[in-house]
């Protein structure tokens, strides 16, 4: 898995969301965004069987 460091350009991706399908670069347009590792936080609270 590649590491993204501060100042690196994030890879473009498409995802399904509650707003429909979004593409990161199209969604941001000329603006900028911050990616958070929220999935890792959520997985900590998923019950394990």
N, C-alpha and C. Protein backbone atom coordinates (compact mmCIF):
# COMPACT_ATOMS: atom_id res chain seq x y z
N UNK A 1 0.84 -1.18 0.00
CA UNK A 1 0.00 0.00 0.00
C UNK A 1 0.89 1.24 0.00
N UNK A 2 0.59 2.16 -0.89
CA UNK A 2 1.37 3.40 -1.00
C UNK A 2 1.01 4.35 0.13
N UNK A 3 1.98 5.09 0.56
CA UNK A 3 1.77 6.09 1.61
C UNK A 3 1.60 7.46 0.98
N UNK A 4 0.58 8.19 1.42
CA UNK A 4 0.38 9.56 0.98
C UNK A 4 0.89 10.46 2.09
N UNK A 5 1.79 11.34 1.75
CA UNK A 5 2.38 12.24 2.74
C UNK A 5 1.87 13.66 2.51
N UNK A 6 2.02 14.48 3.50
CA UNK A 6 1.60 15.88 3.43
C UNK A 6 2.21 16.53 2.19
N UNK A 7 1.37 17.14 1.38
CA UNK A 7 1.82 17.80 0.16
C UNK A 7 1.74 16.94 -1.08
N UNK A 8 1.53 15.62 -0.92
CA UNK A 8 1.40 14.73 -2.07
C UNK A 8 0.03 14.93 -2.72
N UNK A 9 -0.03 14.63 -4.00
CA UNK A 9 -1.31 14.66 -4.72
C UNK A 9 -1.99 13.31 -4.51
N UNK A 10 -3.22 13.34 -4.01
CA UNK A 10 -3.96 12.10 -3.76
C UNK A 10 -4.39 11.48 -5.08
N UNK A 11 -4.44 10.16 -5.15
CA UNK A 11 -4.90 9.51 -6.36
C UNK A 11 -6.39 9.79 -6.59
N UNK A 12 -6.77 9.92 -7.85
CA UNK A 12 -8.17 10.13 -8.19
C UNK A 12 -8.94 8.84 -7.97
N UNK A 13 -10.18 8.93 -7.51
CA UNK A 13 -11.00 7.74 -7.36
C UNK A 13 -12.47 8.10 -7.51
N UNK A 14 -13.27 7.08 -7.79
CA UNK A 14 -14.72 7.22 -7.90
C UNK A 14 -15.32 6.40 -6.78
N UNK A 15 -16.38 6.94 -6.14
CA UNK A 15 -17.01 6.24 -5.02
C UNK A 15 -18.52 6.46 -5.06
N UNK A 16 -19.25 5.49 -4.55
CA UNK A 16 -20.69 5.64 -4.39
C UNK A 16 -20.93 6.31 -3.05
N UNK A 17 -21.83 7.30 -3.05
CA UNK A 17 -22.13 8.01 -1.81
C UNK A 17 -23.63 8.22 -1.71
N UNK A 18 -24.07 8.81 -0.62
CA UNK A 18 -25.50 9.11 -0.48
C UNK A 18 -25.94 10.19 -1.47
N UNK A 19 -24.96 10.89 -2.07
CA UNK A 19 -25.26 11.91 -3.09
C UNK A 19 -25.17 11.34 -4.50
N UNK A 20 -24.93 10.04 -4.62
CA UNK A 20 -24.73 9.39 -5.91
C UNK A 20 -23.25 9.11 -6.12
N UNK A 21 -22.89 8.75 -7.33
CA UNK A 21 -21.50 8.46 -7.63
C UNK A 21 -20.72 9.77 -7.75
N UNK A 22 -19.59 9.84 -7.06
CA UNK A 22 -18.75 11.04 -7.13
C UNK A 22 -17.34 10.65 -7.54
N UNK A 23 -16.68 11.54 -8.23
CA UNK A 23 -15.28 11.40 -8.62
C UNK A 23 -14.53 12.48 -7.84
N UNK A 24 -13.46 12.12 -7.16
CA UNK A 24 -12.75 13.04 -6.28
C UNK A 24 -12.35 14.33 -7.00
N UNK A 25 -11.69 14.21 -8.14
CA UNK A 25 -11.19 15.40 -8.84
C UNK A 25 -12.33 16.26 -9.38
N UNK A 26 -13.40 15.62 -9.87
CA UNK A 26 -14.56 16.39 -10.35
C UNK A 26 -15.24 17.09 -9.18
N UNK A 27 -15.34 16.40 -8.05
CA UNK A 27 -16.00 16.96 -6.87
C UNK A 27 -15.24 18.18 -6.34
N UNK A 28 -13.92 18.09 -6.32
CA UNK A 28 -13.12 19.20 -5.80
C UNK A 28 -13.04 20.36 -6.78
N UNK A 29 -13.10 20.08 -8.08
CA UNK A 29 -12.99 21.14 -9.08
C UNK A 29 -11.66 21.86 -8.92
N UNK A 30 -11.70 23.19 -8.84
CA UNK A 30 -10.48 23.98 -8.66
C UNK A 30 -10.14 24.18 -7.18
N UNK A 31 -10.96 23.60 -6.29
CA UNK A 31 -10.73 23.74 -4.86
C UNK A 31 -9.77 22.69 -4.34
N UNK A 32 -9.72 22.54 -3.05
CA UNK A 32 -8.85 21.56 -2.43
C UNK A 32 -9.62 20.83 -1.34
N UNK A 33 -9.10 19.72 -0.89
CA UNK A 33 -9.78 18.94 0.13
C UNK A 33 -8.77 18.26 1.04
N UNK A 34 -9.29 17.75 2.14
CA UNK A 34 -8.46 17.03 3.12
C UNK A 34 -9.04 15.64 3.27
N UNK A 35 -8.21 14.62 3.13
CA UNK A 35 -8.64 13.24 3.30
C UNK A 35 -8.29 12.78 4.71
N UNK A 36 -9.27 12.19 5.38
CA UNK A 36 -9.06 11.65 6.72
C UNK A 36 -9.17 10.14 6.69
N UNK A 37 -8.41 9.43 7.48
CA UNK A 37 -8.49 7.96 7.51
C UNK A 37 -9.65 7.49 8.38
N UNK A 38 -10.86 7.93 8.09
CA UNK A 38 -12.03 7.63 8.93
C UNK A 38 -12.35 6.14 8.96
N UNK A 39 -12.08 5.42 7.87
CA UNK A 39 -12.37 3.99 7.84
C UNK A 39 -11.62 3.27 8.94
N UNK A 40 -10.39 3.64 9.17
CA UNK A 40 -9.61 3.00 10.23
C UNK A 40 -10.22 3.27 11.60
N UNK A 41 -10.78 4.44 11.78
CA UNK A 41 -11.43 4.78 13.05
C UNK A 41 -12.70 3.96 13.22
N UNK A 42 -13.50 3.85 12.15
CA UNK A 42 -14.75 3.10 12.23
C UNK A 42 -14.51 1.62 12.46
N UNK A 43 -13.48 1.06 11.85
CA UNK A 43 -13.22 -0.37 12.00
C UNK A 43 -12.85 -0.72 13.43
N UNK A 44 -12.36 0.22 14.18
CA UNK A 44 -12.01 -0.04 15.57
C UNK A 44 -13.27 -0.38 16.39
N UNK A 45 -14.43 0.12 15.96
CA UNK A 45 -15.67 -0.07 16.72
C UNK A 45 -16.56 -1.16 16.16
N UNK A 46 -16.14 -1.83 15.10
CA UNK A 46 -16.93 -2.91 14.53
C UNK A 46 -16.78 -4.15 15.41
N UNK A 47 -17.91 -4.72 15.87
CA UNK A 47 -17.80 -5.92 16.71
C UNK A 47 -17.16 -7.07 15.95
N UNK A 48 -16.28 -7.79 16.61
CA UNK A 48 -15.61 -8.95 15.99
C UNK A 48 -16.22 -10.22 16.56
N UNK A 49 -16.52 -11.14 15.67
CA UNK A 49 -17.12 -12.43 16.11
C UNK A 49 -16.06 -13.48 16.22
